[in-house]
C-alpha atoms as a PDB file:
ATOM      1  CA  THR A   1      -5.197 -12.066  -1.982  1.00  0.00           C
ATOM      2  CA  VAL A   2      -8.040 -11.383   0.440  1.00  0.00           C
ATOM      3  CA  GLY A   3      -7.894  -9.004   3.402  1.00  0.00           C
ATOM      4  CA  LEU A   4     -10.475  -8.557   6.115  1.00  0.00           C
ATOM      5  CA  LEU A   5     -11.361  -5.047   7.282  1.00  0.00           C
ATOM      6  CA  GLY A   6     -13.914  -3.422   9.570  1.00  0.00           C
ATOM      7  CA  LYS A   7     -14.964  -3.906  13.188  1.00  0.00           C
ATOM      8  CA  GLY A   8     -15.864  -7.536  12.616  1.00  0.00           C
ATOM      9  CA  LEU A   9     -12.222  -8.558  12.368  1.00  0.00           C
ATOM     10  CA  ARG A  10     -11.992  -8.243  16.160  1.00  0.00           C
ATOM     11  CA  GLY A  11     -14.763 -10.779  16.626  1.00  0.00           C
ATOM     12  CA  GLY A  12     -17.736 -10.247  18.880  1.00  0.00           C
ATOM     13  CA  ILE A  13     -21.289 -11.395  19.448  1.00  0.00           C
ATOM     14  CA  ALA A  14     -23.914 -11.208  16.719  1.00  0.00           C
ATOM     15  CA  THR A  15     -27.557 -11.002  17.806  1.00  0.00           C
ATOM     16  CA  ALA A  16     -30.930 -10.276  16.197  1.00  0.00           C
ATOM     17  CA  THR A  17     -30.327  -6.553  16.728  1.00  0.00           C
ATOM     18  CA  HIS A  18     -26.538  -6.335  16.519  1.00  0.00           C
ATOM     19  CA  SER A  19     -24.551  -7.451  13.486  1.00  0.00           C
ATOM     20  CA  LEU A  20     -20.823  -7.808  12.880  1.00  0.00           C
ATOM     21  CA  GLU A  21     -19.688  -5.920   9.808  1.00  0.00           C
ATOM     22  CA  TYR A  22     -16.941  -7.170   7.509  1.00  0.00           C
ATOM     23  CA  THR A  23     -15.343  -5.622   4.472  1.00  0.00           C
ATOM     24  CA  PHE A  24     -13.379  -7.862   2.115  1.00  0.00           C
ATOM     25  CA  ALA A  25     -10.410  -6.243   0.371  1.00  0.00           C
ATOM     26  CA  LEU A  26      -9.686  -8.243  -2.775  1.00  0.00           C
ATOM     27  CA  ASP A  27      -6.530  -7.994  -4.829  1.00  0.00           C
ATOM     28  CA  CYS A  28      -6.788 -10.128  -7.973  1.00  0.00           C
ATOM     29  CA  HIS A  29      -3.451 -11.416  -9.280  1.00  0.00           C
ATOM     30  CA  ASN A  30      -2.863 -11.940 -12.979  1.00  0.00           C
ATOM     31  CA  LYS A  31      -3.876 -15.380 -14.173  1.00  0.00           C
ATOM     32  CA  SER A  32      -2.843 -16.908 -17.476  1.00  0.00           C
ATOM     33  CA  GLY A  33      -5.472 -18.375 -19.764  1.00  0.00           C
ATOM     34  CA  VAL A  34      -8.234 -15.951 -18.790  1.00  0.00           C
ATOM     35  CA  GLY A  35     -10.235 -14.653 -21.722  1.00  0.00           C
ATOM     36  CA  LYS A  36     -10.352 -10.956 -22.542  1.00  0.00           C
ATOM     37  CA  GLY A  37     -13.677 -10.833 -24.349  1.00  0.00           C
ATOM     38  CA  VAL A  38     -16.534  -8.584 -23.280  1.00  0.00           C
ATOM     39  CA  ASN A  39     -18.561 -11.469 -21.866  1.00  0.00           C
ATOM     40  CA  ASP A  40     -15.647 -13.396 -20.331  1.00  0.00           C
ATOM     41  CA  THR A  41     -15.493 -13.994 -16.596  1.00  0.00           C
ATOM     42  CA  ASP A  42     -12.724 -14.865 -14.147  1.00  0.00           C
ATOM     43  CA  PHE A  43     -14.427 -16.338 -11.089  1.00  0.00           C
ATOM     44  CA  ARG A  44     -12.211 -17.229  -8.146  1.00  0.00           C
ATOM     45  CA  LYS A  45     -13.171 -18.854  -4.893  1.00  0.00           C
ATOM     46  CA  PHE A  46     -12.157 -17.981  -1.340  1.00  0.00           C
ATOM     47  CA  MET A  47     -13.388 -19.176   2.055  1.00  0.00           C
ATOM     48  CA  PHE A  48     -14.736 -17.023   4.871  1.00  0.00           C
ATOM     49  CA  SER A  49     -14.470 -19.028   8.103  1.00  0.00           C
ATOM     50  CA  PHE A  50     -15.225 -18.358  11.755  1.00  0.00           C
ATOM     51  CA  ILE A  51     -15.895 -20.271  14.975  1.00  0.00           C
ATOM     52  CA  PRO A  52     -19.206 -19.533  16.765  1.00  0.00           C
ATOM     53  CA  PRO A  53     -18.676 -20.979  20.286  1.00  0.00           C
ATOM     54  CA  PRO A  54     -19.499 -23.606  21.375  1.00  0.00           C
ATOM     55  CA  PHE A  55     -19.877 -24.902  17.826  1.00  0.00           C
ATOM     56  CA  ASP A  56     -17.292 -26.051  15.312  1.00  0.00           C
ATOM     57  CA  ARG A  57     -15.777 -23.901  12.610  1.00  0.00           C
ATOM     58  CA  VAL A  58     -18.148 -22.574   9.951  1.00  0.00           C
ATOM     59  CA  GLU A  59     -16.810 -22.107   6.419  1.00  0.00           C
ATOM     60  CA  ILE A  60     -18.665 -20.086   3.803  1.00  0.00           C
ATOM     61  CA  PRO A  61     -17.461 -20.370   0.200  1.00  0.00           C
ATOM     62  CA  MET A  62     -17.482 -17.048  -1.662  1.00  0.00           C
ATOM     63  CA  TRP A  63     -16.759 -16.169  -5.265  1.00  0.00           C
ATOM     64  CA  VAL A  64     -15.528 -13.013  -6.973  1.00  0.00           C
ATOM     65  CA  ASP A  65     -15.383 -12.221 -10.684  1.00  0.00           C
ATOM     66  CA  CYS A  66     -11.868 -10.786 -10.854  1.00  0.00           C
ATOM     67  CA  LYS A  67     -12.365  -9.513 -14.375  1.00  0.00           C
ATOM     68  CA  GLN A  68     -15.226  -7.257 -13.297  1.00  0.00           C
ATOM     69  CA  PHE A  69     -13.558  -6.375 -10.016  1.00  0.00           C
ATOM     70  CA  VAL A  70     -10.249  -5.268 -11.541  1.00  0.00           C
ATOM     71  CA  GLU A  71     -11.954  -3.194 -14.216  1.00  0.00           C
ATOM     72  CA  GLY A  72     -14.320  -1.425 -11.863  1.00  0.00           C
ATOM     73  CA  LYS A  73     -12.779  -1.088  -8.394  1.00  0.00           C
ATOM     74  CA  PHE A  74      -9.440  -0.536  -6.758  1.00  0.00           C
ATOM     75  CA  PHE A  75      -8.058  -0.940  -3.262  1.00  0.00           C
ATOM     76  CA  PRO A  76      -8.232   2.379  -1.338  1.00  0.00           C
ATOM     77  CA  PHE A  77      -4.503   2.570  -0.492  1.00  0.00           C
ATOM     78  CA  ASN A  78      -3.036   6.046  -0.971  1.00  0.00           C
ATOM     79  CA  VAL A  79       0.458   7.573  -0.844  1.00  0.00           C
ATOM     80  CA  GLU A  80       0.853  11.340  -1.240  1.00  0.00           C
ATOM     81  CA  THR A  81       3.477  14.075  -0.910  1.00  0.00           C
ATOM     82  CA  SER A  82       0.928  16.228   0.948  1.00  0.00           C
ATOM     83  CA  LYS A  83      -2.319  15.421   2.728  1.00  0.00           C
ATOM     84  CA  TYR A  84      -5.068  14.705   0.169  1.00  0.00           C
ATOM     85  CA  GLY A  85      -2.592  15.505  -2.600  1.00  0.00           C
ATOM     86  CA  LYS A  86      -3.515  12.338  -4.549  1.00  0.00           C
ATOM     87  CA  ASP A  87      -0.249  12.502  -6.483  1.00  0.00           C
ATOM     88  CA  VAL A  88       1.818   9.315  -5.855  1.00  0.00           C
ATOM     89  CA  ILE A  89      -0.435   6.266  -5.364  1.00  0.00           C
ATOM     90  CA  TYR A  90      -4.204   6.670  -5.404  1.00  0.00           C
ATOM     91  CA  SER A  91      -6.667   3.788  -4.948  1.00  0.00           C
ATOM     92  CA  GLY A  92      -3.757   1.376  -5.289  1.00  0.00           C
ATOM     93  CA  LYS A  93      -2.630   2.759  -8.657  1.00  0.00           C
ATOM     94  CA  THR A  94       0.716   4.505  -9.057  1.00  0.00           C
ATOM     95  CA  PHE A  95       0.678   7.741 -11.041  1.00  0.00           C
ATOM     96  CA  ASP A  96       2.776   7.735 -14.221  1.00  0.00           C
ATOM     97  CA  ILE A  97       5.411  10.169 -12.972  1.00  0.00           C
ATOM     98  CA  TYR A  98       6.167   7.831 -10.040  1.00  0.00           C
ATOM     99  CA  GLN A  99       6.568   4.743 -12.218  1.00  0.00           C
ATOM    100  CA  LYS A 100       9.996   3.457 -13.169  1.00  0.00           C
ATOM    101  CA  GLY A 101      10.903   4.207 -16.766  1.00  0.00           C
ATOM    102  CA  ALA A 102       8.493   7.128 -17.122  1.00  0.00           C
ATOM    103  CA  GLY A 103      11.194   9.060 -18.975  1.00  0.00           C
ATOM    104  CA  PRO A 104      11.510  12.851 -18.678  1.00  0.00           C
ATOM    105  CA  ARG A 105       8.206  12.983 -16.786  1.00  0.00           C
ATOM    106  CA  GLN A 106       9.431  10.775 -13.933  1.00  0.00           C
ATOM    107  CA  ALA A 107       9.642  12.479 -10.530  1.00  0.00           C
ATOM    108  CA  ASN A 108      13.133  13.908  -9.960  1.00  0.00           C
ATOM    109  CA  ILE A 109      14.566  14.788  -6.562  1.00  0.00           C
ATOM    110  CA  PRO A 110      17.180  17.588  -6.874  1.00  0.00           C
ATOM    111  CA  PRO A 111      20.630  17.425  -5.197  1.00  0.00           C
ATOM    112  CA  GLU A 112      19.779  19.911  -2.459  1.00  0.00           C
ATOM    113  CA  VAL A 113      16.909  17.758  -1.114  1.00  0.00           C
ATOM    114  CA  GLY A 114      18.139  15.277   1.486  1.00  0.00           C
ATOM    115  CA  ALA A 115      14.801  13.672   2.354  1.00  0.00           C
ATOM    116  CA  THR A 116      11.207  13.561   1.148  1.00  0.00           C
ATOM    117  CA  GLU A 117       8.077  13.032   3.241  1.00  0.00           C
ATOM    118  CA  PHE A 118       5.045  11.054   2.156  1.00  0.00           C
ATOM    119  CA  TYR A 119       1.626  10.520   3.708  1.00  0.00           C
ATOM    120  CA  ILE A 120       0.060   7.051   3.754  1.00  0.00           C
ATOM    121  CA  TYR A 121      -3.574   6.233   4.548  1.00  0.00           C
ATOM    122  CA  LEU A 122      -6.697   4.360   3.469  1.00  0.00           C
ATOM    123  CA  GLU A 123      -9.609   6.192   1.878  1.00  0.00           C
ATOM    124  CA  PRO A 124     -12.358   6.118   4.537  1.00  0.00           C
ATOM    125  CA  TYR A 125     -15.175   5.877   1.963  1.00  0.00           C
ATOM    126  CA  ALA A 126     -14.339   2.192   1.504  1.00  0.00           C
ATOM    127  CA  ALA A 127     -15.981   1.413   4.849  1.00  0.00           C
ATOM    128  CA  THR A 128     -19.672   0.605   4.619  1.00  0.00           C
ATOM    129  CA  THR A 129     -20.818   2.800   7.526  1.00  0.00           C
ATOM    130  CA  ASN A 130     -19.476   5.617   9.671  1.00  0.00           C
ATOM    131  CA  GLN A 131     -19.222   3.167  12.541  1.00  0.00           C
ATOM    132  CA  SER A 132     -16.976   0.762  10.666  1.00  0.00           C
ATOM    133  CA  GLU A 133     -14.719   3.629   9.556  1.00  0.00           C
ATOM    134  CA  GLU A 134     -13.406   3.855  13.102  1.00  0.00           C
ATOM    135  CA  ASP A 135     -11.577   0.543  12.830  1.00  0.00           C
ATOM    136  CA  PHE A 136     -10.850   0.479   9.109  1.00  0.00           C
ATOM    137  CA  VAL A 137      -7.388  -1.120   9.229  1.00  0.00           C
ATOM    138  CA  PHE A 138      -5.213  -2.814   6.621  1.00  0.00           C
ATOM    139  CA  ASP A 139      -2.178  -4.717   7.906  1.00  0.00           C
ATOM    140  CA  TRP A 140      -1.193  -6.860   4.948  1.00  0.00           C
ATOM    141  CA  PHE A 141       2.184  -5.199   4.617  1.00  0.00           C
ATOM    142  CA  GLU A 142       4.816  -7.541   5.981  1.00  0.00           C
ATOM    143  CA  ARG A 143       7.505  -5.021   5.150  1.00  0.00           C
ATOM    144  CA  VAL A 144       8.342  -1.757   3.425  1.00  0.00           C
ATOM    145  CA  ASP A 145      11.499  -1.946   1.317  1.00  0.00           C
ATOM    146  CA  VAL A 146      13.588   0.716  -0.393  1.00  0.00           C
ATOM    147  CA  SER A 147      15.945  -0.181  -3.254  1.00  0.00           C
ATOM    148  CA  HIS A 148      18.060   1.657  -5.829  1.00  0.00           C
ATOM    149  CA  THR A 149      19.814   0.920  -9.114  1.00  0.00           C
ATOM    150  CA  HIS A 150      23.222   2.571  -8.537  1.00  0.00           C
ATOM    151  CA  ASP A 151      25.303   2.412  -5.373  1.00  0.00           C
ATOM    152  CA  ILE A 152      25.661   6.151  -4.835  1.00  0.00           C
ATOM    153  CA  LEU A 153      23.438   6.408  -1.748  1.00  0.00           C
ATOM    154  CA  ASP A 154      22.139   4.471   1.273  1.00  0.00           C
ATOM    155  CA  PRO A 155      18.419   5.274   1.368  1.00  0.00           C
ATOM    156  CA  GLU A 156      16.360   4.483   4.444  1.00  0.00           C
ATOM    157  CA  ILE A 157      12.769   4.881   5.590  1.00  0.00           C
ATOM    158  CA  VAL A 158      12.075   6.430   8.980  1.00  0.00           C
ATOM    159  CA  ASN A 159       9.109   7.548  11.041  1.00  0.00           C
ATOM    160  CA  ILE A 160       7.046   4.413  10.268  1.00  0.00           C
ATOM    161  CA  ALA A 161       7.407   0.709  10.984  1.00  0.00           C
ATOM    162  CA  THR A 162       9.085  -1.065   8.072  1.00  0.00           C
ATOM    163  CA  ARG A 163       7.902  -4.469   9.329  1.00  0.00           C
ATOM    164  CA  GLY A 164       4.274  -5.349  10.011  1.00  0.00           C
ATOM    165  CA  LEU A 165       2.956  -1.963   8.888  1.00  0.00           C
ATOM    166  CA  ALA A 166      -0.718  -1.325   9.718  1.00  0.00           C
ATOM    167  CA  VAL A 167      -2.431   1.350   7.621  1.00  0.00           C
ATOM    168  CA  THR A 168      -5.676   3.066   8.672  1.00  0.00           C
ATOM    169  CA  LYS A 169      -7.747   6.082   7.626  1.00  0.00           C
ATOM    170  CA  ASP A 170      -5.392   8.211   9.750  1.00  0.00           C
ATOM    171  CA  PHE A 171      -2.339   9.668   8.044  1.00  0.00           C
ATOM    172  CA  LEU A 172       1.053   8.026   8.539  1.00  0.00           C
ATOM    173  CA  ARG A 173       4.003  10.342   7.860  1.00  0.00           C
ATOM    174  CA  MET A 174       6.797   8.425   6.163  1.00  0.00           C
ATOM    175  CA  VAL A 175      10.185  10.040   5.518  1.00  0.00           C
ATOM    176  CA  LEU A 176      12.508   8.735   2.809  1.00  0.00           C
ATOM    177  CA  VAL A 177      16.093   9.777   3.637  1.00  0.00           C
ATOM    178  CA  TYR A 178      18.484   9.487   0.692  1.00  0.00           C
ATOM    179  CA  ASN A 179      21.942   9.578   2.355  1.00  0.00           C
ATOM    180  CA  CYS A 180      23.973  10.339  -0.773  1.00  0.00           C
ATOM    181  CA  LYS A 181      27.519   8.919  -0.862  1.00  0.00           C
ATOM    182  CA  GLN A 182      28.681   9.864  -4.355  1.00  0.00           C
ATOM    183  CA  PRO A 183      27.607  12.320  -7.059  1.00  0.00           C
ATOM    184  CA  GLY A 184      25.302  11.126  -9.810  1.00  0.00           C
ATOM    185  CA  LYS A 185      21.702   9.996 -10.123  1.00  0.00           C
ATOM    186  CA  THR A 186      19.840   6.759  -9.473  1.00  0.00           C
ATOM    187  CA  ASN A 187      16.347   5.343  -9.442  1.00  0.00           C
ATOM    188  CA  VAL A 188      14.950   4.808  -5.917  1.00  0.00           C
ATOM    189  CA  THR A 189      12.000   2.450  -5.386  1.00  0.00           C
ATOM    190  CA  VAL A 190       9.791   2.234  -2.295  1.00  0.00           C
ATOM    191  CA  SER A 191       7.787  -1.006  -2.091  1.00  0.00           C
ATOM    192  CA  PHE A 192       4.941  -1.968   0.256  1.00  0.00           C
ATOM    193  CA  LEU A 193       5.064  -5.769   0.197  1.00  0.00           C
ATOM    194  CA  GLN A 194       2.873  -8.655   1.271  1.00  0.00           C
ATOM    195  CA  HIS A 195       3.587 -12.203   0.072  1.00  0.00           C
ATOM    196  CA  ASP A 196       4.090 -12.092  -3.714  1.00  0.00           C
ATOM    197  CA  HIS A 197       2.364  -8.776  -4.350  1.00  0.00           C
ATOM    198  CA  GLY A 198       2.867  -5.164  -3.455  1.00  0.00           C
ATOM    199  CA  TYR A 199       2.488  -1.501  -4.282  1.00  0.00           C
ATOM    200  CA  ASP A 200       5.475   0.639  -5.193  1.00  0.00           C
ATOM    201  CA  PHE A 201       6.543   4.027  -6.474  1.00  0.00           C
ATOM    202  CA  ASN A 202       9.798   5.359  -7.917  1.00  0.00           C
ATOM    203  CA  VAL A 203      11.780   8.590  -7.993  1.00  0.00           C
ATOM    204  CA  ILE A 204      15.065   9.606  -9.577  1.00  0.00           C
ATOM    205  CA  LYS A 205      17.401  11.009  -6.945  1.00  0.00           C
ATOM    206  CA  HIS A 206      20.202  13.369  -8.000  1.00  0.00           C
ATOM    207  CA  CYS A 207      23.150  13.438  -5.595  1.00  0.00           C
ATOM    208  CA  PRO A 208      25.313  16.590  -5.343  1.00  0.00           C
ATOM    209  CA  ASN A 209      28.870  16.840  -6.623  1.00  0.00           C
ATOM    210  CA  LYS A 210      30.172  17.384  -3.095  1.00  0.00           C
ATOM    211  CA  VAL A 211      28.775  14.772  -0.749  1.00  0.00           C
ATOM    212  CA  GLN A 212      29.070  14.727   3.012  1.00  0.00           C
ATOM    213  CA  ILE A 213      28.679  11.089   4.032  1.00  0.00           C
ATOM    214  CA  LYS A 214      26.477  11.165   7.085  1.00  0.00           C
ATOM    215  CA  SER A 215      23.278   9.333   7.981  1.00  0.00           C
ATOM    216  CA  THR A 216      20.529  11.815   8.807  1.00  0.00           C
ATOM    217  CA  SER A 217      17.955   9.267   9.918  1.00  0.00           C
ATOM    218  CA  GLY A 218      18.298  10.222  13.567  1.00  0.00           C
ATOM    219  CA  PHE A 219      17.031  13.708  12.787  1.00  0.00           C
ATOM    220  CA  TRP A 220      13.893  12.532  10.980  1.00  0.00           C
ATOM    221  CA  ARG A 221      12.101  10.526  13.647  1.00  0.00           C
ATOM    222  CA  PHE A 222       9.080  12.428  14.948  1.00  0.00           C
END
């Protein structure tokens, strides 16, 4: 999957003294049959196209070695429980305690906690210049989903758009409201999805023995 970032995505006029800057965000999907040796490569092709009026469309073929890219760089998408906490998802990689099946180390939400807030943003260093940081935007996410393994709660996400989410270098404050219905515990997964790929994190939510069934989402929109 290829995403286009930077000021250039808005278009504009390129001259001898003014250039349009583009940053390509590449997310290499697993591909069967690719070698795992030290000298193996995994080149994949994508097209960068644009229309320079009054001319026809220009297409530039580009190649990326996904083997080298995956091993050396990650997408600068972060999710944190506090600003700059770097504790949930950092550079597109989910920390172990927020992965499903992490065992005793997995993040647990106690019964008395009715909602948890998270901060979402892109690491500004990924932009090539200070100027391009201003419009460093990633809007791949078609939707943000929340799911759970046992039907003891009705979780919902508030305070952000759950469809067509655009993420920038500025913090987005997302609130995950659990809405417990029955006592017990269940795994809760939050997924940021685009096409066939996404980023997700998991927590284990413990619901209290005495549950007051009431949606609290209306109180968590800021």
